[in-house]
PDB file of N, CA and C in Angstrom:
ATOM      1  N   MET A   1       4.016  15.243  11.094  1.00  0.00           N
ATOM      2  CA  MET A   1       3.888  16.269  10.100  1.00  0.00           C
ATOM      3  C   MET A   1       3.030  15.744   8.948  1.00  0.00           C
ATOM      4  N   VAL A   2       2.056  16.530   8.550  1.00  0.00           N
ATOM      5  CA  VAL A   2       1.154  16.158   7.467  1.00  0.00           C
ATOM      6  C   VAL A   2       1.590  16.859   6.195  1.00  0.00           C
ATOM      7  N   ILE A   3       1.766  16.084   5.153  1.00  0.00           N
ATOM      8  CA  ILE A   3       2.162  16.650   3.862  1.00  0.00           C
ATOM      9  C   ILE A   3       0.896  16.907   3.059  1.00  0.00           C
ATOM     10  N   PRO A   4       0.657  18.138   2.621  1.00  0.00           N
ATOM     11  CA  PRO A   4      -0.560  18.428   1.851  1.00  0.00           C
ATOM     12  C   PRO A   4      -0.467  17.798   0.463  1.00  0.00           C
ATOM     13  N   PRO A   5      -1.627  17.455  -0.121  1.00  0.00           N
ATOM     14  CA  PRO A   5      -1.604  16.886  -1.474  1.00  0.00           C
ATOM     15  C   PRO A   5      -1.131  17.918  -2.486  1.00  0.00           C
ATOM     16  N   PRO A   6      -0.573  17.466  -3.598  1.00  0.00           N
ATOM     17  CA  PRO A   6      -0.079  18.425  -4.591  1.00  0.00           C
ATOM     18  C   PRO A   6      -1.222  19.195  -5.237  1.00  0.00           C
ATOM     19  N   VAL A   7      -0.959  20.433  -5.540  1.00  0.00           N
ATOM     20  CA  VAL A   7      -1.941  21.270  -6.222  1.00  0.00           C
ATOM     21  C   VAL A   7      -1.644  21.177  -7.708  1.00  0.00           C
ATOM     22  N   ARG A   8      -2.598  20.645  -8.453  1.00  0.00           N
ATOM     23  CA  ARG A   8      -2.414  20.476  -9.882  1.00  0.00           C
ATOM     24  C   ARG A   8      -3.213  21.533 -10.624  1.00  0.00           C
ATOM     25  N   PRO A   9      -2.666  22.070 -11.706  1.00  0.00           N
ATOM     26  CA  PRO A   9      -3.421  23.057 -12.478  1.00  0.00           C
ATOM     27  C   PRO A   9      -4.619  22.399 -13.157  1.00  0.00           C
ATOM     28  N   PRO A  10      -5.678  23.169 -13.433  1.00  0.00           N
ATOM     29  CA  PRO A  10      -6.893  22.588 -14.005  1.00  0.00           C
ATOM     30  C   PRO A  10      -6.683  21.945 -15.371  1.00  0.00           C
ATOM     31  N   ARG A  11      -5.685  22.370 -16.124  1.00  0.00           N
ATOM     32  CA  ARG A  11      -5.460  21.766 -17.433  1.00  0.00           C
ATOM     33  C   ARG A  11      -4.984  20.325 -17.299  1.00  0.00           C
ATOM     34  N   ILE A  12      -4.403  19.967 -16.162  1.00  0.00           N
ATOM     35  CA  ILE A  12      -3.982  18.586 -15.935  1.00  0.00           C
ATOM     36  C   ILE A  12      -5.126  17.764 -15.349  1.00  0.00           C
ATOM     37  N   THR A  13      -5.865  18.325 -14.399  1.00  0.00           N
ATOM     38  CA  THR A  13      -6.916  17.560 -13.728  1.00  0.00           C
ATOM     39  C   THR A  13      -8.086  17.234 -14.636  1.00  0.00           C
ATOM     40  N   GLN A  14      -8.268  17.964 -15.727  1.00  0.00           N
ATOM     41  CA  GLN A  14      -9.390  17.644 -16.610  1.00  0.00           C
ATOM     42  C   GLN A  14      -9.151  16.349 -17.383  1.00  0.00           C
ATOM     43  N   TYR A  15      -7.906  15.900 -17.471  1.00  0.00           N
ATOM     44  CA  TYR A  15      -7.600  14.669 -18.181  1.00  0.00           C
ATOM     45  C   TYR A  15      -7.443  13.463 -17.253  1.00  0.00           C
ATOM     46  N   LEU A  16      -7.441  13.677 -15.947  1.00  0.00           N
ATOM     47  CA  LEU A  16      -7.292  12.586 -14.999  1.00  0.00           C
ATOM     48  C   LEU A  16      -8.609  11.861 -14.798  1.00  0.00           C
ATOM     49  N   LYS A  17      -8.545  10.556 -14.579  1.00  0.00           N
ATOM     50  CA  LYS A  17      -9.736   9.814 -14.179  1.00  0.00           C
ATOM     51  C   LYS A  17     -10.011  10.182 -12.728  1.00  0.00           C
ATOM     52  N   PRO A  18     -11.287  10.362 -12.353  1.00  0.00           N
ATOM     53  CA  PRO A  18     -11.560  10.855 -11.001  1.00  0.00           C
ATOM     54  C   PRO A  18     -11.172   9.868  -9.902  1.00  0.00           C
ATOM     55  N   TYR A  19     -11.462   8.577 -10.078  1.00  0.00           N
ATOM     56  CA  TYR A  19     -11.131   7.581  -9.060  1.00  0.00           C
ATOM     57  C   TYR A  19     -10.358   6.441  -9.712  1.00  0.00           C
ATOM     58  N   VAL A  20      -9.226   6.088  -9.131  1.00  0.00           N
ATOM     59  CA  VAL A  20      -8.345   5.072  -9.699  1.00  0.00           C
ATOM     60  C   VAL A  20      -8.113   3.970  -8.674  1.00  0.00           C
ATOM     61  N   LEU A  21      -8.282   2.721  -9.103  1.00  0.00           N
ATOM     62  CA  LEU A  21      -8.041   1.553  -8.250  1.00  0.00           C
ATOM     63  C   LEU A  21      -6.588   1.134  -8.378  1.00  0.00           C
ATOM     64  N   LYS A  22      -5.911   1.008  -7.238  1.00  0.00           N
ATOM     65  CA  LYS A  22      -4.534   0.518  -7.215  1.00  0.00           C
ATOM     66  C   LYS A  22      -4.461  -0.658  -6.268  1.00  0.00           C
ATOM     67  N   MET A  23      -3.726  -1.679  -6.682  1.00  0.00           N
ATOM     68  CA  MET A  23      -3.618  -2.904  -5.890  1.00  0.00           C
ATOM     69  C   MET A  23      -2.165  -3.177  -5.568  1.00  0.00           C
ATOM     70  N   HIS A  24      -1.934  -3.778  -4.407  1.00  0.00           N
ATOM     71  CA  HIS A  24      -0.591  -4.138  -3.982  1.00  0.00           C
ATOM     72  C   HIS A  24      -0.645  -5.520  -3.357  1.00  0.00           C
ATOM     73  N   PHE A  25       0.236  -6.390  -3.815  1.00  0.00           N
ATOM     74  CA  PHE A  25       0.281  -7.763  -3.324  1.00  0.00           C
ATOM     75  C   PHE A  25       1.665  -8.049  -2.763  1.00  0.00           C
ATOM     76  N   THR A  26       1.704  -8.577  -1.550  1.00  0.00           N
ATOM     77  CA  THR A  26       2.965  -9.021  -0.968  1.00  0.00           C
ATOM     78  C   THR A  26       2.873 -10.520  -0.744  1.00  0.00           C
ATOM     79  N   ASN A  27       3.923 -11.091  -0.169  1.00  0.00           N
ATOM     80  CA  ASN A  27       3.903 -12.525   0.114  1.00  0.00           C
ATOM     81  C   ASN A  27       2.958 -12.867   1.258  1.00  0.00           C
ATOM     82  N   LYS A  28       2.515 -11.852   2.024  1.00  0.00           N
ATOM     83  CA  LYS A  28       1.627 -12.102   3.153  1.00  0.00           C
ATOM     84  C   LYS A  28       0.237 -11.503   2.997  1.00  0.00           C
ATOM     85  N   TYR A  29       0.108 -10.371   2.314  1.00  0.00           N
ATOM     86  CA  TYR A  29      -1.147  -9.638   2.340  1.00  0.00           C
ATOM     87  C   TYR A  29      -1.571  -9.160   0.954  1.00  0.00           C
ATOM     88  N   VAL A  30      -2.867  -8.803   0.866  1.00  0.00           N
ATOM     89  CA  VAL A  30      -3.465  -8.216  -0.329  1.00  0.00           C
ATOM     90  C   VAL A  30      -4.042  -6.861   0.077  1.00  0.00           C
ATOM     91  N   THR A  31      -3.711  -5.820  -0.674  1.00  0.00           N
ATOM     92  CA  THR A  31      -4.212  -4.484  -0.372  1.00  0.00           C
ATOM     93  C   THR A  31      -4.750  -3.848  -1.650  1.00  0.00           C
ATOM     94  N   ALA A  32      -5.908  -3.209  -1.546  1.00  0.00           N
ATOM     95  CA  ALA A  32      -6.479  -2.475  -2.677  1.00  0.00           C
ATOM     96  C   ALA A  32      -6.998  -1.144  -2.156  1.00  0.00           C
ATOM     97  N   GLN A  33      -6.758  -0.096  -2.920  1.00  0.00           N
ATOM     98  CA  GLN A  33      -7.252   1.219  -2.525  1.00  0.00           C
ATOM     99  C   GLN A  33      -7.698   2.000  -3.747  1.00  0.00           C
ATOM    100  N   VAL A  34      -8.651   2.889  -3.523  1.00  0.00           N
ATOM    101  CA  VAL A  34      -9.156   3.758  -4.575  1.00  0.00           C
ATOM    102  C   VAL A  34      -8.717   5.171  -4.237  1.00  0.00           C
ATOM    103  N   ILE A  35      -8.046   5.810  -5.192  1.00  0.00           N
ATOM    104  CA  ILE A  35      -7.476   7.133  -4.977  1.00  0.00           C
ATOM    105  C   ILE A  35      -8.249   8.158  -5.791  1.00  0.00           C
ATOM    106  N   HIS A  36      -8.578   9.276  -5.155  1.00  0.00           N
ATOM    107  CA  HIS A  36      -9.230  10.396  -5.834  1.00  0.00           C
ATOM    108  C   HIS A  36      -8.125  11.213  -6.495  1.00  0.00           C
ATOM    109  N   SER A  37      -8.050  11.163  -7.813  1.00  0.00           N
ATOM    110  CA  SER A  37      -6.916  11.737  -8.550  1.00  0.00           C
ATOM    111  C   SER A  37      -6.751  13.246  -8.406  1.00  0.00           C
ATOM    112  N   PRO A  38      -7.815  14.048  -8.526  1.00  0.00           N
ATOM    113  CA  PRO A  38      -7.593  15.501  -8.443  1.00  0.00           C
ATOM    114  C   PRO A  38      -7.017  15.963  -7.111  1.00  0.00           C
ATOM    115  N   THR A  39      -7.373  15.308  -6.018  1.00  0.00           N
ATOM    116  CA  THR A  39      -6.854  15.734  -4.716  1.00  0.00           C
ATOM    117  C   THR A  39      -5.744  14.837  -4.207  1.00  0.00           C
ATOM    118  N   ALA A  40      -5.472  13.726  -4.893  1.00  0.00           N
ATOM    119  CA  ALA A  40      -4.435  12.765  -4.513  1.00  0.00           C
ATOM    120  C   ALA A  40      -4.638  12.241  -3.096  1.00  0.00           C
ATOM    121  N   THR A  41      -5.892  11.916  -2.752  1.00  0.00           N
ATOM    122  CA  THR A  41      -6.200  11.348  -1.446  1.00  0.00           C
ATOM    123  C   THR A  41      -6.845   9.981  -1.629  1.00  0.00           C
ATOM    124  N   VAL A  42      -6.778   9.168  -0.591  1.00  0.00           N
ATOM    125  CA  VAL A  42      -7.372   7.838  -0.636  1.00  0.00           C
ATOM    126  C   VAL A  42      -8.858   7.958  -0.326  1.00  0.00           C
ATOM    127  N   ALA A  43      -9.695   7.533  -1.277  1.00  0.00           N
ATOM    128  CA  ALA A  43     -11.137   7.604  -1.080  1.00  0.00           C
ATOM    129  C   ALA A  43     -11.624   6.424  -0.252  1.00  0.00           C
ATOM    130  N   SER A  44     -11.086   5.237  -0.522  1.00  0.00           N
ATOM    131  CA  SER A  44     -11.472   4.046   0.212  1.00  0.00           C
ATOM    132  C   SER A  44     -10.375   3.006   0.047  1.00  0.00           C
ATOM    133  N   ALA A  45     -10.271   2.102   1.032  1.00  0.00           N
ATOM    134  CA  ALA A  45      -9.242   1.067   0.975  1.00  0.00           C
ATOM    135  C   ALA A  45      -9.725  -0.177   1.702  1.00  0.00           C
ATOM    136  N   ALA A  46      -9.143  -1.315   1.322  1.00  0.00           N
ATOM    137  CA  ALA A  46      -9.403  -2.578   2.006  1.00  0.00           C
ATOM    138  C   ALA A  46      -8.126  -3.393   1.964  1.00  0.00           C
ATOM    139  N   SER A  47      -7.865  -4.119   3.042  1.00  0.00           N
ATOM    140  CA  SER A  47      -6.648  -4.903   3.122  1.00  0.00           C
ATOM    141  C   SER A  47      -6.897  -6.162   3.927  1.00  0.00           C
ATOM    142  N   SER A  48      -6.127  -7.196   3.630  1.00  0.00           N
ATOM    143  CA  SER A  48      -6.253  -8.427   4.408  1.00  0.00           C
ATOM    144  C   SER A  48      -5.520  -8.309   5.736  1.00  0.00           C
ATOM    145  N   GLN A  49      -4.910  -7.166   6.009  1.00  0.00           N
ATOM    146  CA  GLN A  49      -4.258  -6.917   7.291  1.00  0.00           C
ATOM    147  C   GLN A  49      -5.240  -6.447   8.364  1.00  0.00           C
ATOM    148  N   GLU A  50      -6.439  -6.045   7.977  1.00  0.00           N
ATOM    149  CA  GLU A  50      -7.399  -5.506   8.931  1.00  0.00           C
ATOM    150  C   GLU A  50      -7.811  -6.586   9.932  1.00  0.00           C
ATOM    151  N   LYS A  51      -7.829  -6.223  11.200  1.00  0.00           N
ATOM    152  CA  LYS A  51      -8.140  -7.194  12.246  1.00  0.00           C
ATOM    153  C   LYS A  51      -9.560  -7.728  12.146  1.00  0.00           C
ATOM    154  N   ALA A  52     -10.485  -6.905  11.670  1.00  0.00           N
ATOM    155  CA  ALA A  52     -11.875  -7.354  11.548  1.00  0.00           C
ATOM    156  C   ALA A  52     -12.043  -8.403  10.456  1.00  0.00           C
ATOM    157  N   LEU A  53     -11.169  -8.398   9.469  1.00  0.00           N
ATOM    158  CA  LEU A  53     -11.292  -9.334   8.347  1.00  0.00           C
ATOM    159  C   LEU A  53     -10.534 -10.639   8.557  1.00  0.00           C
ATOM    160  N   ARG A  54      -9.528 -10.643   9.379  1.00  0.00           N
ATOM    161  CA  ARG A  54      -8.675 -11.826   9.525  1.00  0.00           C
ATOM    162  C   ARG A  54      -9.415 -13.094   9.934  1.00  0.00           C
ATOM    163  N   PRO A  55     -10.374 -13.041  10.865  1.00  0.00           N
ATOM    164  CA  PRO A  55     -11.067 -14.295  11.215  1.00  0.00           C
ATOM    165  C   PRO A  55     -11.881 -14.882  10.058  1.00  0.00           C
ATOM    166  N   SER A  56     -12.374 -14.045   9.151  1.00  0.00           N
ATOM    167  CA  SER A  56     -13.196 -14.546   8.056  1.00  0.00           C
ATOM    168  C   SER A  56     -12.360 -15.067   6.884  1.00  0.00           C
ATOM    169  N   LEU A  57     -11.049 -14.807   6.892  1.00  0.00           N
ATOM    170  CA  LEU A  57     -10.176 -15.260   5.819  1.00  0.00           C
ATOM    171  C   LEU A  57      -9.428 -16.512   6.251  1.00  0.00           C
ATOM    172  N   GLU A  58      -9.341 -17.480   5.341  1.00  0.00           N
ATOM    173  CA  GLU A  58      -8.573 -18.684   5.633  1.00  0.00           C
ATOM    174  C   GLU A  58      -7.079 -18.369   5.612  1.00  0.00           C
ATOM    175  N   THR A  59      -6.620 -17.734   4.534  1.00  0.00           N
ATOM    176  CA  THR A  59      -5.267 -17.189   4.460  1.00  0.00           C
ATOM    177  C   THR A  59      -5.375 -15.756   3.968  1.00  0.00           C
ATOM    178  N   THR A  60      -4.345 -14.971   4.218  1.00  0.00           N
ATOM    179  CA  THR A  60      -4.417 -13.547   3.881  1.00  0.00           C
ATOM    180  C   THR A  60      -3.733 -13.209   2.571  1.00  0.00           C
ATOM    181  N   ARG A  61      -3.359 -14.217   1.771  1.00  0.00           N
ATOM    182  CA  ARG A  61      -2.579 -13.907   0.579  1.00  0.00           C
ATOM    183  C   ARG A  61      -3.009 -14.608  -0.699  1.00  0.00           C
ATOM    184  N   ASP A  62      -4.042 -15.443  -0.671  1.00  0.00           N
ATOM    185  CA  ASP A  62      -4.384 -16.212  -1.866  1.00  0.00           C
ATOM    186  C   ASP A  62      -5.475 -15.521  -2.679  1.00  0.00           C
ATOM    187  N   VAL A  63      -5.945 -16.210  -3.722  1.00  0.00           N
ATOM    188  CA  VAL A  63      -6.938 -15.649  -4.633  1.00  0.00           C
ATOM    189  C   VAL A  63      -8.274 -15.438  -3.919  1.00  0.00           C
ATOM    190  N   ALA A  64      -8.626 -16.325  -3.005  1.00  0.00           N
ATOM    191  CA  ALA A  64      -9.885 -16.171  -2.259  1.00  0.00           C
ATOM    192  C   ALA A  64      -9.843 -14.912  -1.388  1.00  0.00           C
ATOM    193  N   ALA A  65      -8.693 -14.640  -0.788  1.00  0.00           N
ATOM    194  CA  ALA A  65      -8.553 -13.413   0.008  1.00  0.00           C
ATOM    195  C   ALA A  65      -8.651 -12.184  -0.886  1.00  0.00           C
ATOM    196  N   ALA A  66      -8.083 -12.256  -2.082  1.00  0.00           N
ATOM    197  CA  ALA A  66      -8.160 -11.131  -3.021  1.00  0.00           C
ATOM    198  C   ALA A  66      -9.602 -10.877  -3.447  1.00  0.00           C
ATOM    199  N   ALA A  67     -10.369 -11.952  -3.665  1.00  0.00           N
ATOM    200  CA  ALA A  67     -11.774 -11.793  -4.036  1.00  0.00           C
ATOM    201  C   ALA A  67     -12.565 -11.165  -2.895  1.00  0.00           C
ATOM    202  N   LYS A  68     -12.285 -11.573  -1.674  1.00  0.00           N
ATOM    203  CA  LYS A  68     -12.979 -11.007  -0.503  1.00  0.00           C
ATOM    204  C   LYS A  68     -12.647  -9.518  -0.344  1.00  0.00           C
ATOM    205  N   ILE A  69     -11.381  -9.158  -0.573  1.00  0.00           N
ATOM    206  CA  ILE A  69     -10.969  -7.754  -0.475  1.00  0.00           C
ATOM    207  C   ILE A  69     -11.682  -6.920  -1.535  1.00  0.00           C
ATOM    208  N   GLY A  70     -11.798  -7.446  -2.741  1.00  0.00           N
ATOM    209  CA  GLY A  70     -12.510  -6.726  -3.802  1.00  0.00           C
ATOM    210  C   GLY A  70     -13.976  -6.526  -3.473  1.00  0.00           C
ATOM    211  N   LYS A  71     -14.598  -7.533  -2.887  1.00  0.00           N
ATOM    212  CA  LYS A  71     -16.015  -7.427  -2.512  1.00  0.00           C
ATOM    213  C   LYS A  71     -16.211  -6.374  -1.425  1.00  0.00           C
ATOM    214  N   ILE A  72     -15.354  -6.396  -0.423  1.00  0.00           N
ATOM    215  CA  ILE A  72     -15.459  -5.430   0.680  1.00  0.00           C
ATOM    216  C   ILE A  72     -15.190  -4.015   0.176  1.00  0.00           C
ATOM    217  N   LEU A  73     -14.186  -3.870  -0.697  1.00  0.00           N
ATOM    218  CA  LEU A  73     -13.888  -2.546  -1.250  1.00  0.00           C
ATOM    219  C   LEU A  73     -15.055  -2.030  -2.083  1.00  0.00           C
ATOM    220  N   GLY A  74     -15.702  -2.912  -2.847  1.00  0.00           N
ATOM    221  CA  GLY A  74     -16.866  -2.511  -3.624  1.00  0.00           C
ATOM    222  C   GLY A  74     -18.006  -2.024  -2.751  1.00  0.00           C
ATOM    223  N   GLU A  75     -18.251  -2.721  -1.644  1.00  0.00           N
ATOM    224  CA  GLU A  75     -19.307  -2.293  -0.723  1.00  0.00           C
ATOM    225  C   GLU A  75     -18.978  -0.943  -0.105  1.00  0.00           C
ATOM    226  N   ARG A  76     -17.713  -0.734   0.260  1.00  0.00           N
ATOM    227  CA  ARG A  76     -17.314   0.548   0.852  1.00  0.00           C
ATOM    228  C   ARG A  76     -17.423   1.691  -0.157  1.00  0.00           C
ATOM    229  N   LEU A  77     -17.113   1.411  -1.417  1.00  0.00           N
ATOM    230  CA  LEU A  77     -17.233   2.450  -2.446  1.00  0.00           C
ATOM    231  C   LEU A  77     -18.689   2.842  -2.668  1.00  0.00           C
ATOM    232  N   LEU A  78     -19.578   1.848  -2.688  1.00  0.00           N
ATOM    233  CA  LEU A  78     -20.996   2.157  -2.889  1.00  0.00           C
ATOM    234  C   LEU A  78     -21.577   2.915  -1.698  1.00  0.00           C
ATOM    235  N   LEU A  79     -21.075   2.659  -0.493  1.00  0.00           N
ATOM    236  CA  LEU A  79     -21.522   3.434   0.672  1.00  0.00           C
ATOM    237  C   LEU A  79     -21.095   4.894   0.566  1.00  0.00           C
ATOM    238  N   LYS A  80     -19.965   5.154  -0.089  1.00  0.00           N
ATOM    239  CA  LYS A  80     -19.480   6.526  -0.264  1.00  0.00           C
ATOM    240  C   LYS A  80     -19.961   7.152  -1.563  1.00  0.00           C
ATOM    241  N   ASN A  81     -20.909   6.491  -2.257  1.00  0.00           N
ATOM    242  CA  ASN A  81     -21.484   6.990  -3.508  1.00  0.00           C
ATOM    243  C   ASN A  81     -20.427   7.186  -4.599  1.00  0.00           C
ATOM    244  N   ILE A  82     -19.543   6.199  -4.754  1.00  0.00           N
ATOM    245  CA  ILE A  82     -18.567   6.186  -5.838  1.00  0.00           C
ATOM    246  C   ILE A  82     -18.974   5.043  -6.760  1.00  0.00           C
ATOM    247  N   PRO A  83     -19.638   5.342  -7.897  1.00  0.00           N
ATOM    248  CA  PRO A  83     -20.190   4.274  -8.729  1.00  0.00           C
ATOM    249  C   PRO A  83     -19.205   3.641  -9.701  1.00  0.00           C
ATOM    250  N   ALA A  84     -18.098   4.345 -10.039  1.00  0.00           N
ATOM    251  CA  ALA A  84     -17.196   3.827 -11.066  1.00  0.00           C
ATOM    252  C   ALA A  84     -15.749   4.178 -10.732  1.00  0.00           C
ATOM    253  N   VAL A  85     -14.841   3.282 -11.114  1.00  0.00           N
ATOM    254  CA  VAL A  85     -13.413   3.505 -10.908  1.00  0.00           C
ATOM    255  C   VAL A  85     -12.656   3.106 -12.168  1.00  0.00           C
ATOM    256  N   ALA A  86     -11.473   3.678 -12.330  1.00  0.00           N
ATOM    257  CA  ALA A  86     -10.551   3.262 -13.383  1.00  0.00           C
ATOM    258  C   ALA A  86      -9.507   2.361 -12.739  1.00  0.00           C
ATOM    259  N   VAL A  87      -8.972   1.416 -13.497  1.00  0.00           N
ATOM    260  CA  VAL A  87      -8.002   0.466 -12.962  1.00  0.00           C
ATOM    261  C   VAL A  87      -6.613   0.862 -13.426  1.00  0.00           C
ATOM    262  N   HIS A  88      -5.690   0.945 -12.474  1.00  0.00           N
ATOM    263  CA  HIS A  88      -4.296   1.230 -12.793  1.00  0.00           C
ATOM    264  C   HIS A  88      -3.477   0.000 -12.444  1.00  0.00           C
ATOM    265  N   LEU A  89      -2.946  -0.664 -13.469  1.00  0.00           N
ATOM    266  CA  LEU A  89      -2.119  -1.846 -13.257  1.00  0.00           C
ATOM    267  C   LEU A  89      -0.655  -1.488 -13.468  1.00  0.00           C
ATOM    268  N   LYS A  90       0.198  -2.036 -12.607  1.00  0.00           N
ATOM    269  CA  LYS A  90       1.626  -1.849 -12.794  1.00  0.00           C
ATOM    270  C   LYS A  90       2.077  -2.692 -13.979  1.00  0.00           C
ATOM    271  N   ARG A  91       3.285  -2.469 -14.418  1.00  0.00           N
ATOM    272  CA  ARG A  91       3.781  -3.158 -15.599  1.00  0.00           C
ATOM    273  C   ARG A  91       3.792  -4.675 -15.420  1.00  0.00           C
ATOM    274  N   GLU A  92       4.147  -5.140 -14.226  1.00  0.00           N
ATOM    275  CA  GLU A  92       4.241  -6.584 -14.011  1.00  0.00           C
ATOM    276  C   GLU A  92       2.893  -7.230 -13.689  1.00  0.00           C
ATOM    277  N   GLN A  93       1.847  -6.438 -13.482  1.00  0.00           N
ATOM    278  CA  GLN A  93       0.536  -6.991 -13.157  1.00  0.00           C
ATOM    279  C   GLN A  93      -0.229  -7.300 -14.436  1.00  0.00           C
ATOM    280  N   ARG A  94      -0.691  -8.521 -14.537  1.00  0.00           N
ATOM    281  CA  ARG A  94      -1.515  -8.947 -15.656  1.00  0.00           C
ATOM    282  C   ARG A  94      -2.912  -9.258 -15.135  1.00  0.00           C
ATOM    283  N   TYR A  95      -3.902  -9.230 -16.009  1.00  0.00           N
ATOM    284  CA  TYR A  95      -5.279  -9.537 -15.623  1.00  0.00           C
ATOM    285  C   TYR A  95      -5.406 -11.050 -15.452  1.00  0.00           C
ATOM    286  N   HIS A  96      -4.891 -11.538 -14.317  1.00  0.00           N
ATOM    287  CA  HIS A  96      -4.824 -12.968 -14.064  1.00  0.00           C
ATOM    288  C   HIS A  96      -4.634 -13.183 -12.566  1.00  0.00           C
ATOM    289  N   GLY A  97      -5.220 -14.224 -12.037  1.00  0.00           N
ATOM    290  CA  GLY A  97      -4.998 -14.591 -10.643  1.00  0.00           C
ATOM    291  C   GLY A  97      -5.623 -13.619  -9.659  1.00  0.00           C
ATOM    292  N   LYS A  98      -4.798 -13.078  -8.760  1.00  0.00           N
ATOM    293  CA  LYS A  98      -5.288 -12.180  -7.709  1.00  0.00           C
ATOM    294  C   LYS A  98      -5.836 -10.879  -8.282  1.00  0.00           C
ATOM    295  N   VAL A  99      -5.191 -10.350  -9.315  1.00  0.00           N
ATOM    296  CA  VAL A  99      -5.657  -9.112  -9.936  1.00  0.00           C
ATOM    297  C   VAL A  99      -7.048  -9.317 -10.519  1.00  0.00           C
ATOM    298  N   LYS A 100      -7.238 -10.421 -11.208  1.00  0.00           N
ATOM    299  CA  LYS A 100      -8.539 -10.738 -11.793  1.00  0.00           C
ATOM    300  C   LYS A 100      -9.586 -10.936 -10.702  1.00  0.00           C
ATOM    301  N   ALA A 101      -9.207 -11.580  -9.588  1.00  0.00           N
ATOM    302  CA  ALA A 101     -10.142 -11.819  -8.497  1.00  0.00           C
ATOM    303  C   ALA A 101     -10.625 -10.507  -7.880  1.00  0.00           C
ATOM    304  N   VAL A 102      -9.713  -9.562  -7.671  1.00  0.00           N
ATOM    305  CA  VAL A 102     -10.091  -8.265  -7.088  1.00  0.00           C
ATOM    306  C   VAL A 102     -11.017  -7.508  -8.037  1.00  0.00           C
ATOM    307  N   ILE A 103     -10.662  -7.438  -9.305  1.00  0.00           N
ATOM    308  CA  ILE A 103     -11.446  -6.659 -10.271  1.00  0.00           C
ATOM    309  C   ILE A 103     -12.813  -7.293 -10.505  1.00  0.00           C
ATOM    310  N   ASP A 104     -12.862  -8.615 -10.637  1.00  0.00           N
ATOM    311  CA  ASP A 104     -14.143  -9.287 -10.873  1.00  0.00           C
ATOM    312  C   ASP A 104     -15.088  -9.146  -9.681  1.00  0.00           C
ATOM    313  N   SER A 105     -14.573  -9.297  -8.464  1.00  0.00           N
ATOM    314  CA  SER A 105     -15.449  -9.158  -7.300  1.00  0.00           C
ATOM    315  C   SER A 105     -15.868  -7.709  -7.086  1.00  0.00           C
ATOM    316  N   LEU A 106     -15.047  -6.771  -7.531  1.00  0.00           N
ATOM    317  CA  LEU A 106     -15.421  -5.360  -7.459  1.00  0.00           C
ATOM    318  C   LEU A 106     -16.594  -5.071  -8.392  1.00  0.00           C
ATOM    319  N   THR A 107     -16.556  -5.637  -9.604  1.00  0.00           N
ATOM    320  CA  THR A 107     -17.662  -5.429 -10.539  1.00  0.00           C
ATOM    321  C   THR A 107     -18.914  -6.192 -10.101  1.00  0.00           C
ATOM    322  N   GLU A 108     -18.753  -7.354  -9.463  1.00  0.00           N
ATOM    323  CA  GLU A 108     -19.906  -8.097  -8.950  1.00  0.00           C
ATOM    324  C   GLU A 108     -20.580  -7.341  -7.811  1.00  0.00           C
ATOM    325  N   ALA A 109     -19.804  -6.551  -7.066  1.00  0.00           N
ATOM    326  CA  ALA A 109     -20.386  -5.757  -5.983  1.00  0.00           C
ATOM    327  C   ALA A 109     -21.205  -4.578  -6.509  1.00  0.00           C
ATOM    328  N   GLY A 110     -21.031  -4.236  -7.795  1.00  0.00           N
ATOM    329  CA  GLY A 110     -21.841  -3.177  -8.384  1.00  0.00           C
ATOM    330  C   GLY A 110     -21.064  -1.952  -8.815  1.00  0.00           C
ATOM    331  N   VAL A 111     -19.750  -1.970  -8.726  1.00  0.00           N
ATOM    332  CA  VAL A 111     -18.930  -0.837  -9.150  1.00  0.00           C
ATOM    333  C   VAL A 111     -18.569  -1.030 -10.618  1.00  0.00           C
ATOM    334  N   LYS A 112     -18.736   0.023 -11.414  1.00  0.00           N
ATOM    335  CA  LYS A 112     -18.417  -0.070 -12.830  1.00  0.00           C
ATOM    336  C   LYS A 112     -16.955   0.311 -13.056  1.00  0.00           C
ATOM    337  N   LEU A 113     -16.380  -0.206 -14.141  1.00  0.00           N
ATOM    338  CA  LEU A 113     -15.008   0.105 -14.503  1.00  0.00           C
ATOM    339  C   LEU A 113     -14.997   1.099 -15.658  1.00  0.00           C
ATOM    340  N   LEU A 114     -14.109   2.068 -15.580  1.00  0.00           N
ATOM    341  CA  LEU A 114     -13.971   3.061 -16.650  1.00  0.00           C
ATOM    342  C   LEU A 114     -12.891   2.646 -17.616  1.00  0.00           C
TER     343      LEU A 114
END
């Protein structure tokens, strides 16, 4: 069963950032995705769980893996003509370590931050 995205009134969507970067870190993997806010759909995503990426990664959970995920996500965003994203950090996430690696490699790939 497919759940349709929520329908938001235009007075709410005019204040939303169009594309938002969200990151998730576990003890094994690094995942980053960009969500299109008005439609609540995933525009692009990258994860260290992908089979194509595993041979190129030494480990799937360290800062180097996070930097690689950010670089790949940046390339995928530019292929889809998404030039800029806003960053959404959870309360416990600080701009340090893996979070910094993902964001810095995303900007090095050519994606601007809002």
